[in-house]
Amino acid sequence: MSKLIKPRTLKGFRDYLPELMIPREKIIDTAKRVYRSYGFTPIDTPVLEHLEILTGKGSEETDRQMYSFNDHGDRPVGMRFDLTIPLARFAAQHIATLGTPFKRYHIAPVWRGENPQAGRYREFLQCDFDTIGTESVIADIETGLVIHDLLDAIGIQDFTIKINNRQILSGLLQKYDLSDKSVPILRCLDKLDKIGAEAVSREMQAAAEVTAEQADQVLGLATISGDPTSMLQQTQTLVAGNELGENGVQRLRELVVAFEDVGIAKQRYQIDVSIARGLDYYTGVIFETTLGSLPSIGSVCSGGRYDNLAGLYTKQHLPGIGASLGLDRLIAAMESLELLPKSRTVAPLMIAYFDAERRAEYLAISRILRSAGIGVELYPDAKKLGAQLKYADSRGFRFAVIAGSDELDRGTCQIKNLATKQSEELNWKETPVDFVARVSEMLDDV
């Protein structure tokens, strides 16, 4: 007999049991519904891309974390580390057919060989939405609104959308002749929340080779605080005289005004001129969304404007903007906050199976309910009722359909609420329409 292989998962990867997979799929369905309500259409792209498509597009860190290898020994390929770089390639390749503006959503796994930690895995699902082919501020505004509506639809109440515009910092760097050092400065600045201003200043001086005074000038922008009106005024003063920076402030102001105009609650968004996003391709507005009750888990929905990314693959100007829901990080946060339903079934009803000789009638009850769109699981073995109800409780069924020989002879069954233990007898055989209607009412009342 051969030696048994120990079943185990790779570090940074995970299995999803039904109690996690059920809410995961529900969130995916919610994301699709919200994205479609704004006119975004679905696409898909391959897991593997030519390596040159992916390298040098995100950051040095994403290049290091990328899974890459030689396909068939001589073709360098990489596994996508996000869905935005493949989108840029996709748009450049197909835009003549798609037309502009093109609005797409893409829900698929990506891979990064980073150090696993709470809510972070090496394989994770991203739920992206993007608009390609327009620089309009309307696209900026709608991106923020989709983030808000998505989290609201999922059922998250306590969240904050942090917004900034990279043009502001880029304009400030232009003003102080630091544009050639923007990449290392942005990467240092992105760590402000994690390590604090003093440590960022030291790292900026070392990594970007700026003086302490120059680091303080940059951090002066990043540490602006107050209400949106005050922050916009302070920011305007710092970048005054620089066209790029002033344009960034104006775009940010239009975004804030739009949020006010449509009635987004003020506690759900905040200007944060310290956020820079780690990826190098962002050029304008950027978003990060944190949970008020669990800020340590980081951003659960991030994105921004990237007007030059497709230029790596085509001479046609294809500005873009979008964001991504970090589904696995959000699931981890909801687990921690005990916001996930405790259920291991997707069907609300379980039919207990008593008499193997009456199988046809149990199947008939199942068929009537399923034909009406009601999920039903028929227990497969004719066991004692207690064992079947124990199974139903353990899986999280809401109701059990119970029909012994006497009920079946009458063409009836008992519908038992497993939470309240109350039952109601219904006739499924003579009045199937009324039977379905009453079961639906009972489900709606729970």
Protein backbone atom coordinates (compact mmCIF):
# COMPACT_ATOMS: atom_id res chain seq x y z
CA MET A 1 0.00 0.00 0.00
CA SER A 2 1.39 3.41 -0.96
CA LYS A 3 2.11 5.99 1.71
CA LEU A 4 -0.72 8.44 2.38
CA ILE A 5 -0.08 12.02 1.29
CA LYS A 6 -0.66 14.49 4.11
CA PRO A 7 -3.51 16.83 3.06
CA ARG A 8 -2.41 20.45 3.49
CA THR A 9 -2.63 23.85 1.81
CA LEU A 10 0.24 26.06 0.72
CA LYS A 11 1.24 28.97 2.96
CA GLY A 12 -0.72 32.07 2.00
CA PHE A 13 -3.53 30.07 0.39
CA ARG A 14 -6.77 28.86 1.94
CA ASP A 15 -9.74 26.59 1.47
CA TYR A 16 -13.22 28.08 1.69
CA LEU A 17 -15.75 25.97 3.57
CA PRO A 18 -19.48 26.50 2.89
CA GLU A 19 -19.98 28.85 5.86
CA LEU A 20 -17.47 31.26 4.23
CA MET A 21 -18.18 30.48 0.60
CA ILE A 22 -21.90 31.20 0.90
CA PRO A 23 -21.47 34.84 2.08
CA ARG A 24 -18.55 35.20 -0.34
CA GLU A 25 -20.78 34.36 -3.29
CA LYS A 26 -23.52 36.60 -1.90
CA ILE A 27 -21.08 39.54 -1.84
CA ILE A 28 -19.99 38.74 -5.40
CA ASP A 29 -23.63 38.75 -6.51
CA THR A 30 -24.14 42.08 -4.72
CA ALA A 31 -21.07 43.55 -6.42
CA LYS A 32 -22.33 42.46 -9.83
CA ARG A 33 -25.72 44.01 -9.15
CA VAL A 34 -24.23 47.35 -8.05
CA TYR A 35 -21.75 47.46 -10.95
CA ARG A 36 -24.46 46.67 -13.48
CA SER A 37 -26.68 49.41 -12.02
CA TYR A 38 -24.03 51.92 -13.16
CA GLY A 39 -23.70 50.36 -16.63
CA PHE A 40 -20.52 48.33 -16.13
CA THR A 41 -20.36 45.18 -18.29
CA PRO A 42 -18.44 41.94 -17.56
CA ILE A 43 -15.19 40.81 -19.18
CA ASP A 44 -12.54 38.19 -18.45
CA THR A 45 -8.83 37.88 -19.27
CA PRO A 46 -6.30 35.03 -18.98
CA VAL A 47 -4.54 34.21 -15.70
CA LEU A 48 -1.21 34.24 -17.52
CA GLU A 49 0.22 37.18 -19.45
CA HIS A 50 3.48 37.65 -21.32
CA LEU A 51 5.90 38.73 -18.60
CA GLU A 52 6.69 42.03 -20.31
CA ILE A 53 3.00 42.97 -20.07
CA LEU A 54 3.17 42.80 -16.25
CA THR A 55 6.67 43.77 -15.15
CA GLY A 56 7.49 47.37 -14.31
CA LYS A 57 3.82 48.43 -14.32
CA GLY A 58 2.93 48.29 -10.62
CA SER A 59 5.95 48.81 -8.39
CA GLU A 60 9.26 47.17 -7.51
CA GLU A 61 7.38 45.35 -4.75
CA THR A 62 4.76 43.86 -7.06
CA ASP A 63 7.52 42.79 -9.46
CA ARG A 64 9.21 40.95 -6.57
CA GLN A 65 5.92 39.36 -5.48
CA MET A 66 4.87 38.23 -8.96
CA TYR A 67 4.68 34.53 -9.74
CA SER A 68 6.58 34.07 -13.00
CA PHE A 69 8.15 31.20 -14.91
CA ASN A 70 9.12 30.05 -18.39
CA ASP A 71 6.20 28.43 -20.17
CA HIS A 72 7.41 25.34 -22.08
CA GLY A 73 10.95 26.32 -21.21
CA ASP A 74 11.39 29.38 -23.41
CA ARG A 75 8.44 31.80 -23.04
CA PRO A 76 8.55 34.12 -19.97
CA VAL A 77 5.06 34.47 -18.47
CA GLY A 78 3.62 35.86 -15.25
CA MET A 79 0.45 35.34 -13.21
CA ARG A 80 -1.56 38.56 -12.96
CA PHE A 81 -1.00 40.43 -9.66
CA ASP A 82 -4.03 42.67 -10.21
CA LEU A 83 -6.78 43.11 -12.82
CA THR A 84 -5.88 46.66 -13.90
CA ILE A 85 -2.70 45.90 -15.88
CA PRO A 86 -4.46 43.14 -17.88
CA LEU A 87 -7.32 45.61 -18.47
CA ALA A 88 -4.91 48.16 -19.95
CA ARG A 89 -3.57 45.50 -22.31
CA PHE A 90 -7.14 44.33 -23.06
CA ALA A 91 -8.31 47.88 -23.85
CA ALA A 92 -5.35 48.59 -26.11
CA GLN A 93 -6.01 45.36 -27.98
CA HIS A 94 -9.81 45.61 -28.34
CA ILE A 95 -10.78 49.30 -28.02
CA ALA A 96 -11.54 49.64 -31.73
CA THR A 97 -14.32 47.09 -31.24
CA LEU A 98 -15.39 48.25 -27.77
CA GLY A 99 -15.53 52.01 -28.37
CA THR A 100 -15.20 54.65 -25.64
CA PRO A 101 -16.10 55.28 -22.95
CA PHE A 102 -15.90 51.60 -22.04
CA LYS A 103 -17.16 50.54 -18.60
CA ARG A 104 -16.25 47.06 -17.40
CA TYR A 105 -16.25 44.94 -14.29
CA HIS A 106 -14.07 41.89 -13.71
CA ILE A 107 -14.28 39.52 -10.74
CA ALA A 108 -11.41 37.05 -10.67
CA PRO A 109 -8.45 35.77 -8.62
CA VAL A 110 -4.99 37.37 -8.63
CA TRP A 111 -1.70 36.24 -7.10
CA ARG A 112 1.06 37.97 -5.13
CA GLY A 113 3.84 36.22 -3.25
CA GLU A 114 3.65 38.56 -0.26
CA ASN A 115 3.98 37.74 3.41
CA PRO A 116 0.60 36.35 4.54
CA GLN A 117 -1.15 38.12 7.42
CA ALA A 118 -4.67 38.75 8.69
CA GLY A 119 -6.90 39.33 5.68
CA ARG A 120 -4.00 39.03 3.22
CA TYR A 121 -3.35 35.93 1.17
CA ARG A 122 -1.16 35.05 -1.80
CA GLU A 123 -4.22 34.16 -3.84
CA PHE A 124 -7.17 36.49 -3.50
CA LEU A 125 -10.23 37.59 -5.39
CA GLN A 126 -10.60 41.12 -6.73
CA CYS A 127 -13.91 42.67 -7.74
CA ASP A 128 -12.86 45.43 -10.14
CA PHE A 129 -14.81 48.05 -12.04
CA ASP A 130 -13.26 50.60 -14.43
CA THR A 131 -14.13 53.28 -16.96
CA ILE A 132 -11.77 53.60 -19.94
CA GLY A 133 -11.55 56.41 -22.48
CA THR A 134 -12.61 59.55 -20.60
CA GLU A 135 -10.99 62.12 -18.33
CA SER A 136 -14.37 63.48 -17.21
CA VAL A 137 -14.81 64.26 -13.53
CA ILE A 138 -18.15 62.43 -13.81
CA ALA A 139 -16.17 59.18 -14.03
CA ASP A 140 -14.26 60.19 -10.87
CA ILE A 141 -17.51 60.96 -9.06
CA GLU A 142 -19.23 57.74 -10.13
CA THR A 143 -16.23 55.68 -9.00
CA GLY A 144 -16.61 57.09 -5.50
CA LEU A 145 -20.38 56.56 -5.58
CA VAL A 146 -20.00 52.92 -6.65
CA ILE A 147 -17.63 52.29 -3.72
CA HIS A 148 -20.18 53.84 -1.35
CA ASP A 149 -23.18 52.01 -2.80
CA LEU A 150 -21.31 48.69 -2.88
CA LEU A 151 -20.35 48.70 0.80
CA ASP A 152 -23.80 49.96 1.74
CA ALA A 153 -25.46 47.16 -0.26
CA ILE A 154 -23.20 44.55 1.37
CA GLY A 155 -24.47 45.76 4.73
CA ILE A 156 -21.38 47.55 6.04
CA GLN A 157 -22.51 50.62 7.95
CA ASP A 158 -19.32 51.99 9.53
CA PHE A 159 -16.88 52.83 6.74
CA THR A 160 -14.94 55.85 5.47
CA ILE A 161 -13.95 56.51 1.86
CA LYS A 162 -10.66 58.40 1.99
CA ILE A 163 -10.05 60.51 -1.11
CA ASN A 164 -7.04 62.35 -2.49
CA ASN A 165 -5.64 63.41 -5.84
CA ARG A 166 -2.11 62.54 -6.89
CA GLN A 167 -1.90 65.73 -8.95
CA ILE A 168 -1.75 67.68 -5.68
CA LEU A 169 1.39 65.98 -4.45
CA SER A 170 2.87 65.87 -7.97
CA GLY A 171 2.25 69.62 -8.26
CA LEU A 172 3.91 70.23 -4.88
CA LEU A 173 6.93 68.18 -5.98
CA GLN A 174 7.11 70.20 -9.20
CA LYS A 175 6.98 73.39 -7.17
CA TYR A 176 10.03 72.31 -5.13
CA ASP A 177 11.90 70.68 -8.08
CA LEU A 178 11.44 67.15 -6.71
CA SER A 179 9.53 65.61 -9.63
CA ASP A 180 12.39 63.29 -10.53
CA LYS A 181 12.10 61.75 -7.06
CA SER A 182 8.32 61.33 -7.05
CA VAL A 183 8.28 57.50 -7.12
CA PRO A 184 10.38 56.90 -3.95
CA ILE A 185 8.67 59.85 -2.22
CA LEU A 186 5.21 58.43 -2.98
CA ARG A 187 6.22 54.99 -1.72
CA CYS A 188 7.53 56.45 1.52
CA LEU A 189 4.44 58.60 1.93
CA ASP A 190 2.20 55.55 1.51
CA LYS A 191 3.61 54.24 4.81
CA LEU A 192 2.59 57.29 6.85
CA ASP A 193 -0.29 55.57 8.64
CA LYS A 194 1.86 52.54 9.47
CA ILE A 195 5.11 54.09 10.73
CA GLY A 196 4.35 57.78 11.44
CA ALA A 197 5.69 61.10 10.12
CA GLU A 198 9.12 60.98 11.79
CA ALA A 199 9.97 57.53 10.40
CA VAL A 200 8.63 58.47 6.95
CA SER A 201 10.82 61.60 6.97
CA ARG A 202 13.93 59.52 7.73
CA GLU A 203 13.03 56.94 5.10
CA MET A 204 12.29 59.67 2.53
CA GLN A 205 15.69 61.25 3.13
CA ALA A 206 17.41 57.89 2.67
CA ALA A 207 15.36 56.41 -0.20
CA ALA A 208 14.63 59.60 -2.19
CA GLU A 209 17.82 61.47 -1.22
CA VAL A 210 15.92 64.60 -0.17
CA THR A 211 16.90 66.99 2.59
CA ALA A 212 15.14 67.09 5.95
CA GLU A 213 13.60 70.43 4.92
CA GLN A 214 12.26 68.98 1.66
CA ALA A 215 10.83 65.96 3.50
CA ASP A 216 9.09 68.35 5.91
CA GLN A 217 7.60 70.30 2.99
CA VAL A 218 6.09 67.11 1.58
CA LEU A 219 4.89 65.95 4.98
CA GLY A 220 3.38 69.39 5.56
CA LEU A 221 0.92 68.57 2.80
CA ALA A 222 0.34 65.02 3.99
CA THR A 223 -0.50 66.04 7.55
CA ILE A 224 -3.17 68.64 6.68
CA SER A 225 -6.33 68.01 8.70
CA GLY A 226 -9.77 69.53 9.35
CA ASP A 227 -13.14 69.56 7.61
CA PRO A 228 -13.21 69.24 3.77
CA THR A 229 -13.56 73.00 3.17
CA SER A 230 -10.63 73.83 5.46
CA MET A 231 -8.44 71.09 4.00
CA LEU A 232 -9.10 72.23 0.44
CA GLN A 233 -8.18 75.80 1.39
CA GLN A 234 -4.94 74.71 3.10
CA THR A 235 -4.04 72.49 0.17
CA GLN A 236 -4.77 75.28 -2.33
CA THR A 237 -2.36 77.55 -0.44
CA LEU A 238 0.45 74.96 -0.47
CA VAL A 239 0.28 74.32 -4.23
CA ALA A 240 -0.54 77.91 -5.25
CA GLY A 241 1.22 78.86 -8.47
CA ASN A 242 1.52 75.29 -9.76
CA GLU A 243 -1.04 74.43 -12.44
CA LEU A 244 -0.92 70.66 -11.91
CA GLY A 245 -1.42 70.97 -8.17
CA GLU A 246 -4.21 73.53 -8.52
CA ASN A 247 -5.99 71.26 -11.01
CA GLY A 248 -5.78 68.42 -8.51
CA VAL A 249 -7.34 70.55 -5.78
CA GLN A 250 -10.16 71.60 -8.14
CA ARG A 251 -10.91 67.97 -9.14
CA LEU A 252 -10.98 67.02 -5.46
CA ARG A 253 -13.32 69.94 -4.71
CA GLU A 254 -15.72 68.84 -7.46
CA LEU A 255 -15.77 65.32 -6.03
CA VAL A 256 -16.60 66.56 -2.52
CA VAL A 257 -19.33 68.88 -3.84
CA ALA A 258 -20.86 66.00 -5.82
CA PHE A 259 -20.94 63.78 -2.72
CA GLU A 260 -22.73 66.60 -0.87
CA ASP A 261 -25.14 67.14 -3.77
CA VAL A 262 -26.31 63.51 -3.84
CA GLY A 263 -26.60 63.27 -0.06
CA ILE A 264 -23.71 60.97 0.89
CA ALA A 265 -23.41 61.07 4.70
CA LYS A 266 -20.43 63.23 5.71
CA GLN A 267 -19.07 60.59 8.08
CA ARG A 268 -18.67 58.21 5.13
CA TYR A 269 -16.03 60.19 3.22
CA GLN A 270 -12.97 62.19 4.13
CA ILE A 271 -10.20 64.07 2.35
CA ASP A 272 -6.87 62.48 3.25
CA VAL A 273 -3.96 64.07 1.39
CA SER A 274 -1.55 61.55 2.94
CA ILE A 275 -2.78 58.57 0.91
CA ALA A 276 -0.73 57.94 -2.19
CA ARG A 277 -1.47 54.29 -3.12
CA GLY A 278 1.57 52.09 -3.63
CA LEU A 279 1.17 51.46 -7.35
CA ASP A 280 3.07 53.80 -9.65
CA TYR A 281 0.43 54.11 -12.37
CA TYR A 282 -2.04 56.37 -10.52
CA THR A 283 -2.19 59.93 -11.88
CA GLY A 284 -5.27 61.61 -10.39
CA VAL A 285 -7.98 60.94 -7.82
CA ILE A 286 -7.33 57.99 -5.48
CA PHE A 287 -9.58 56.16 -3.05
CA GLU A 288 -9.05 54.01 0.03
CA THR A 289 -11.90 52.67 2.13
CA THR A 290 -11.42 51.68 5.76
CA LEU A 291 -13.77 50.15 8.32
CA GLY A 292 -14.33 52.35 11.36
CA SER A 293 -14.60 49.38 13.70
CA LEU A 294 -11.54 47.60 12.27
CA PRO A 295 -9.08 50.12 10.77
CA SER A 296 -6.10 47.81 11.31
CA ILE A 297 -7.16 45.52 8.46
CA GLY A 298 -6.41 48.29 5.95
CA SER A 299 -8.34 49.37 2.88
CA VAL A 300 -11.11 47.04 1.71
CA CYS A 301 -11.89 48.97 -1.48
CA SER A 302 -9.22 51.02 -3.27
CA GLY A 303 -8.48 52.54 -6.63
CA GLY A 304 -7.99 55.70 -8.59
CA ARG A 305 -7.31 57.37 -11.92
CA TYR A 306 -4.57 56.08 -14.24
CA ASP A 307 -4.52 58.19 -17.40
CA ASN A 308 -1.26 56.91 -18.90
CA LEU A 309 -1.26 53.16 -18.25
CA ALA A 310 -2.67 52.03 -21.60
CA GLY A 311 0.00 54.18 -23.28
CA LEU A 312 2.42 51.35 -22.58
CA TYR A 313 0.54 49.23 -25.13
CA THR A 314 -0.97 51.68 -27.64
CA LYS A 315 -0.40 55.17 -29.06
CA GLN A 316 -4.11 55.93 -28.60
CA HIS A 317 -4.79 57.97 -25.46
CA LEU A 318 -6.95 55.80 -23.19
CA PRO A 319 -7.34 57.42 -19.77
CA GLY A 320 -8.89 55.22 -17.12
CA ILE A 321 -10.28 55.18 -13.60
CA GLY A 322 -11.57 52.39 -11.38
CA ALA A 323 -11.47 50.64 -8.05
CA SER A 324 -11.40 47.16 -6.60
CA LEU A 325 -13.17 45.50 -3.70
CA GLY A 326 -10.71 43.32 -1.77
CA LEU A 327 -13.19 40.53 -1.17
CA ASP A 328 -11.02 38.22 0.93
CA ARG A 329 -9.89 41.07 3.17
CA LEU A 330 -13.50 42.17 3.60
CA ILE A 331 -14.56 38.60 4.43
CA ALA A 332 -11.78 38.40 7.05
CA ALA A 333 -12.97 41.69 8.55
CA MET A 334 -16.60 40.55 8.60
CA GLU A 335 -15.52 37.30 10.27
CA SER A 336 -13.70 39.28 12.94
CA LEU A 337 -16.70 41.58 13.47
CA GLU A 338 -19.10 38.60 13.51
CA LEU A 339 -21.08 40.00 10.59
CA LEU A 340 -21.24 36.75 8.62
CA PRO A 341 -24.40 34.61 8.83
CA LYS A 342 -23.90 31.23 10.50
CA SER A 343 -25.17 28.94 7.78
CA ARG A 344 -23.79 26.00 5.84
CA THR A 345 -26.64 25.70 3.37
CA VAL A 346 -28.07 27.80 0.56
CA ALA A 347 -31.48 26.14 0.75
CA PRO A 348 -33.96 27.41 3.37
CA LEU A 349 -35.90 24.11 3.55
CA MET A 350 -34.95 20.53 4.34
CA ILE A 351 -37.40 17.71 3.67
CA ALA A 352 -37.16 14.92 6.21
CA TYR A 353 -37.23 11.44 4.62
CA PHE A 354 -39.21 8.87 6.65
CA ASP A 355 -40.49 6.09 4.43
CA ALA A 356 -38.35 4.84 1.56
CA GLU A 357 -41.45 3.30 -0.05
CA ARG A 358 -43.01 6.79 -0.36
CA ARG A 359 -39.98 8.26 -2.15
CA ALA A 360 -42.04 9.47 -5.12
CA GLU A 361 -44.13 11.72 -2.87
CA TYR A 362 -41.10 13.28 -1.17
CA LEU A 363 -39.66 13.95 -4.62
CA ALA A 364 -42.99 15.47 -5.69
CA ILE A 365 -42.96 17.90 -2.74
CA SER A 366 -39.37 18.85 -3.59
CA ARG A 367 -40.30 19.38 -7.23
CA ILE A 368 -43.26 21.64 -6.42
CA LEU A 369 -41.16 23.88 -4.18
CA ARG A 370 -38.13 24.04 -6.50
CA SER A 371 -40.35 24.86 -9.49
CA ALA A 372 -41.47 27.91 -7.52
CA GLY A 373 -37.87 29.00 -6.95
CA ILE A 374 -37.64 27.80 -3.34
CA GLY A 375 -34.42 25.99 -2.42
CA VAL A 376 -34.96 22.52 -0.96
CA GLU A 377 -32.66 19.75 0.22
CA LEU A 378 -34.16 16.28 0.50
CA TYR A 379 -32.43 14.24 3.19
CA PRO A 380 -31.03 11.16 1.38
CA ASP A 381 -31.58 8.41 3.97
CA ALA A 382 -34.68 7.22 5.80
CA LYS A 383 -33.42 7.78 9.34
CA LYS A 384 -35.10 8.69 12.63
CA LEU A 385 -36.56 12.20 12.69
CA GLY A 386 -34.29 13.29 15.55
CA ALA A 387 -31.15 12.56 13.54
CA GLN A 388 -32.49 14.42 10.53
CA LEU A 389 -33.52 17.49 12.56
CA LYS A 390 -30.08 17.51 14.21
CA TYR A 391 -28.56 17.63 10.72
CA ALA A 392 -30.94 20.46 9.74
CA ASP A 393 -29.96 22.50 12.81
CA SER A 394 -26.24 21.98 12.20
CA ARG A 395 -26.53 23.20 8.60
CA GLY A 396 -28.64 26.25 9.40
CA PHE A 397 -31.87 25.34 7.61
CA ARG A 398 -34.73 27.67 8.53
CA PHE A 399 -37.58 25.17 8.08
CA ALA A 400 -38.05 21.42 7.96
CA VAL A 401 -40.76 19.76 5.88
CA ILE A 402 -42.04 16.77 7.82
CA ALA A 403 -44.44 14.20 6.33
CA GLY A 404 -44.96 10.72 7.72
CA SER A 405 -47.26 8.07 6.31
CA ASP A 406 -50.39 9.66 7.83
CA GLU A 407 -49.62 13.10 6.34
CA LEU A 408 -48.74 11.61 2.98
CA ASP A 409 -52.01 9.69 2.93
CA ARG A 410 -53.82 13.02 3.40
CA GLY A 411 -51.60 14.81 0.86
CA THR A 412 -50.27 17.14 3.56
CA CYS A 413 -47.01 17.93 5.35
CA GLN A 414 -45.87 19.86 8.40
CA ILE A 415 -43.72 22.96 7.88
CA LYS A 416 -41.65 23.34 11.07
CA ASN A 417 -39.85 26.56 11.96
CA LEU A 418 -36.55 25.28 13.37
CA ALA A 419 -35.98 28.44 15.42
CA THR A 420 -39.41 28.70 17.11
CA LYS A 421 -40.25 24.95 16.90
CA GLN A 422 -43.77 25.88 15.70
CA SER A 423 -45.38 23.85 12.91
CA GLU A 424 -48.17 24.38 10.39
CA GLU A 425 -49.86 21.67 8.34
CA LEU A 426 -50.33 22.43 4.64
CA ASN A 427 -51.87 20.50 1.75
CA TRP A 428 -49.28 20.14 -1.00
CA LYS A 429 -51.17 17.68 -3.20
CA GLU A 430 -54.64 19.17 -3.76
CA THR A 431 -53.70 22.88 -3.60
CA PRO A 432 -50.04 23.16 -4.66
CA VAL A 433 -50.42 26.86 -5.59
CA ASP A 434 -51.70 27.73 -2.12
CA PHE A 435 -49.03 25.49 -0.59
CA VAL A 436 -46.23 27.35 -2.37
CA ALA A 437 -47.75 30.75 -1.56
CA ARG A 438 -47.94 29.94 2.16
CA VAL A 439 -44.39 28.56 2.30
CA SER A 440 -43.15 31.73 0.59
CA GLU A 441 -44.98 33.85 3.18
CA MET A 442 -43.39 31.88 6.01
CA LEU A 443 -39.93 32.38 4.51
CA ASP A 444 -40.51 36.10 4.04
CA ASP A 445 -41.61 36.47 7.67
CA VAL A 446 -38.37 35.05 9.06
